[in-house]
Amino acid sequence: RSSHYMRNSIFFYLLGLLLSAGCAQSINWNDPIAIANHVQIEQDDFKKVTSFIGPNLAEGPPDRLLLRAWKLRSGAMAYQIYVEDEYTYEIRRGGLGWRFYSSAYDSDGNPLPTQKISRTVNWCGRNVCSYLEVLGIDITREYLEKRKESGIAVKISGKNGEEVLSIPAAYVQAFLSVSP
């Protein structure tokens, strides 16, 4: 009986993952209104902070790429490009598999302040490990306003690797229309 329960649990878990992945892909990334409808607004009445969280632009789990912002008690706003990058590294190559992301530059060559949020080893197999690095790239509303027609391209770099990220113009426009 418990194996039947386990099979059903696994089935419904996998079905939920498929459905949630399908929902994420249903956003038209060229339509600012469709994107704006997926921006989450959360109010923390204790901290007196309102959070604005854009939809995930990454191809799918486990990676995440989105814009987020906070309206603080003082009325000031803080904006950030939020990145979760999962990658694998072969153990037999020796050394550490971490990319150690520590800097970000936009396509105009501007350095952007980068904050390491976390680093996690997700799993290790016989010859490979999966790593997850989470970082925030601080930006301003003015930065977003200047790129609402062109979008944003950023290269994140570390001592063991780099990645190029793109946020389309429609996404920037949508986020600006929702966040103050």
Protein backbone atom coordinates (compact mmCIF):
# COMPACT_ATOMS: atom_id res chain seq x y z
CA ARG A 1 0.00 0.00 0.00
CA SER A 2 2.81 2.45 0.81
CA SER A 3 4.46 1.81 -2.59
CA HIS A 4 1.15 2.73 -4.28
CA TYR A 5 1.04 5.93 -2.23
CA MET A 6 4.68 6.66 -3.11
CA ARG A 7 4.07 6.13 -6.87
CA ASN A 8 1.05 8.45 -6.75
CA SER A 9 3.01 11.07 -4.79
CA ILE A 10 5.85 10.97 -7.30
CA PHE A 11 3.41 11.13 -10.21
CA PHE A 12 1.62 14.20 -8.85
CA TYR A 13 4.90 15.87 -7.93
CA LEU A 14 6.23 15.40 -11.48
CA LEU A 15 2.90 16.52 -12.96
CA GLY A 16 3.08 19.68 -10.85
CA LEU A 17 6.60 20.38 -12.06
CA LEU A 18 5.55 19.95 -15.69
CA LEU A 19 2.53 22.18 -15.26
CA SER A 20 4.48 24.90 -13.48
CA ALA A 21 7.19 24.79 -16.15
CA GLY A 22 4.50 25.08 -18.81
CA CYS A 23 2.99 28.11 -17.11
CA ALA A 24 6.34 29.88 -16.96
CA GLN A 25 6.79 29.39 -20.70
CA SER A 26 3.32 30.74 -21.51
CA ILE A 27 4.44 34.35 -21.07
CA ASN A 28 4.89 36.27 -24.32
CA TRP A 29 8.32 37.86 -23.69
CA ASN A 30 7.64 40.46 -26.41
CA ASP A 31 4.46 41.77 -24.75
CA PRO A 32 5.07 44.23 -21.87
CA ILE A 33 1.45 43.92 -20.69
CA ALA A 34 1.62 40.12 -20.49
CA ILE A 35 4.91 40.35 -18.58
CA ALA A 36 3.57 43.06 -16.24
CA ASN A 37 0.67 40.77 -15.34
CA HIS A 38 3.20 38.29 -13.96
CA VAL A 39 5.11 40.73 -11.72
CA GLN A 40 4.45 39.77 -8.09
CA ILE A 41 3.89 42.52 -5.55
CA GLU A 42 4.33 41.54 -1.91
CA GLN A 43 3.78 43.75 1.14
CA ASP A 44 5.51 43.04 4.46
CA ASP A 45 3.52 45.00 7.02
CA PHE A 46 6.04 44.33 9.78
CA LYS A 47 9.12 45.50 7.88
CA LYS A 48 7.13 48.15 5.98
CA VAL A 49 8.65 47.00 2.69
CA THR A 50 6.93 46.38 -0.63
CA SER A 51 8.68 43.91 -2.95
CA PHE A 52 8.29 43.75 -6.74
CA ILE A 53 9.46 40.47 -8.31
CA GLY A 54 9.47 39.98 -12.06
CA PRO A 55 8.81 36.61 -13.70
CA ASN A 56 11.69 34.19 -14.26
CA LEU A 57 13.31 34.74 -17.68
CA ALA A 58 15.64 31.74 -17.50
CA GLU A 59 15.03 28.81 -19.83
CA GLY A 60 13.75 26.77 -16.93
CA PRO A 61 14.50 25.43 -13.52
CA PRO A 62 16.84 25.45 -11.78
CA ASP A 63 18.24 28.70 -13.24
CA ARG A 64 16.55 32.02 -12.48
CA LEU A 65 16.95 35.46 -14.02
CA LEU A 66 14.64 38.29 -13.05
CA LEU A 67 14.36 41.91 -11.99
CA ARG A 68 13.31 42.74 -8.46
CA ALA A 69 12.85 45.89 -6.44
CA TRP A 70 11.99 47.02 -2.93
CA LYS A 71 10.17 50.12 -1.77
CA LEU A 72 11.52 50.82 1.69
CA ARG A 73 9.79 52.44 4.65
CA SER A 74 11.54 55.73 3.81
CA GLY A 75 10.04 55.64 0.30
CA ALA A 76 13.43 54.94 -1.29
CA MET A 77 13.63 52.26 -3.98
CA ALA A 78 16.31 49.60 -4.54
CA TYR A 79 16.55 47.66 -7.83
CA GLN A 80 18.42 44.47 -8.65
CA ILE A 81 19.01 41.89 -11.36
CA TYR A 82 18.65 38.56 -9.55
CA VAL A 83 20.56 35.53 -10.90
CA GLU A 84 20.63 31.86 -9.92
CA ASP A 85 23.08 29.92 -12.08
CA GLU A 86 23.40 26.15 -11.77
CA TYR A 87 26.22 24.43 -13.62
CA THR A 88 28.16 21.18 -13.43
CA TYR A 89 31.88 20.55 -13.19
CA GLU A 90 33.76 17.30 -13.70
CA ILE A 91 35.50 16.26 -10.50
CA ARG A 92 38.34 14.48 -12.32
CA ARG A 93 39.48 17.80 -13.84
CA GLY A 94 40.77 18.69 -10.38
CA GLY A 95 40.43 21.88 -8.39
CA LEU A 96 37.24 23.55 -7.35
CA GLY A 97 34.22 23.63 -9.62
CA TRP A 98 32.99 26.98 -8.38
CA ARG A 99 32.97 29.85 -10.86
CA PHE A 100 33.17 32.28 -7.93
CA TYR A 101 31.12 34.99 -9.63
CA SER A 102 32.37 38.33 -8.38
CA SER A 103 31.78 40.95 -11.08
CA ALA A 104 29.28 42.03 -13.71
CA TYR A 105 29.67 44.30 -16.73
CA ASP A 106 26.95 45.49 -19.07
CA SER A 107 27.26 45.65 -22.86
CA ASP A 108 28.47 49.27 -22.61
CA GLY A 109 31.45 48.16 -20.49
CA ASN A 110 30.01 49.60 -17.26
CA PRO A 111 30.91 47.66 -14.10
CA LEU A 112 27.83 46.88 -12.01
CA PRO A 113 27.94 46.33 -8.22
CA THR A 114 27.60 42.59 -7.58
CA GLN A 115 26.61 40.86 -4.34
CA LYS A 116 27.18 37.17 -3.67
CA ILE A 117 23.98 35.89 -2.06
CA SER A 118 24.86 32.20 -1.73
CA ARG A 119 26.84 29.26 -3.08
CA THR A 120 25.59 25.68 -2.75
CA VAL A 121 26.69 22.26 -3.90
CA ASN A 122 23.41 20.74 -5.12
CA TRP A 123 24.68 17.21 -5.66
CA CYS A 124 27.73 15.20 -6.58
CA GLY A 125 27.78 12.02 -8.61
CA ARG A 126 30.53 9.68 -9.58
CA ASN A 127 32.53 12.15 -11.69
CA VAL A 128 30.63 15.42 -11.54
CA CYS A 129 29.16 17.93 -9.11
CA SER A 130 26.34 20.44 -9.59
CA TYR A 131 26.90 23.93 -8.19
CA LEU A 132 24.43 26.77 -7.64
CA GLU A 133 25.58 30.37 -7.31
CA VAL A 134 23.09 33.11 -6.46
CA LEU A 135 23.94 36.76 -6.91
CA GLY A 136 22.37 40.17 -7.08
CA ILE A 137 23.47 42.89 -9.46
CA ASP A 138 22.53 46.33 -8.14
CA ILE A 139 21.05 48.79 -10.61
CA THR A 140 18.95 51.96 -10.44
CA ARG A 141 15.64 53.01 -11.93
CA GLU A 142 17.57 55.43 -14.15
CA TYR A 143 19.62 52.49 -15.43
CA LEU A 144 16.39 50.66 -16.33
CA GLU A 145 14.87 53.77 -17.94
CA LYS A 146 17.92 54.13 -20.22
CA ARG A 147 17.56 50.50 -21.35
CA LYS A 148 13.81 50.19 -21.78
CA GLU A 149 14.14 50.35 -25.58
CA SER A 150 17.27 48.21 -25.96
CA GLY A 151 17.03 45.74 -23.10
CA ILE A 152 19.93 44.69 -20.89
CA ALA A 153 22.89 42.44 -21.62
CA VAL A 154 25.22 41.61 -18.72
CA LYS A 155 28.26 39.37 -18.40
CA ILE A 156 28.83 37.90 -14.96
CA SER A 157 32.38 36.72 -14.34
CA GLY A 158 34.37 34.82 -11.77
CA LYS A 159 37.83 33.35 -11.61
CA ASN A 160 36.62 30.03 -13.07
CA GLY A 161 33.98 31.05 -15.61
CA GLU A 162 31.51 33.54 -16.96
CA GLU A 163 27.98 33.75 -18.32
CA VAL A 164 26.12 36.27 -20.50
CA LEU A 165 22.57 37.20 -19.46
CA SER A 166 19.92 39.05 -21.49
CA ILE A 167 16.79 40.85 -20.38
CA PRO A 168 14.58 41.95 -23.31
CA ALA A 169 13.30 45.51 -23.69
CA ALA A 170 9.66 44.41 -23.19
CA TYR A 171 10.59 42.93 -19.81
CA VAL A 172 12.28 46.16 -18.70
CA GLN A 173 9.26 48.20 -19.87
CA ALA A 174 6.86 45.88 -18.03
CA PHE A 175 8.85 46.04 -14.80
CA LEU A 176 9.05 49.83 -14.93
CA SER A 177 5.28 50.06 -15.46
CA VAL A 178 4.59 48.09 -12.27
CA SER A 179 7.32 49.27 -9.88
CA PRO A 180 7.37 52.89 -8.69
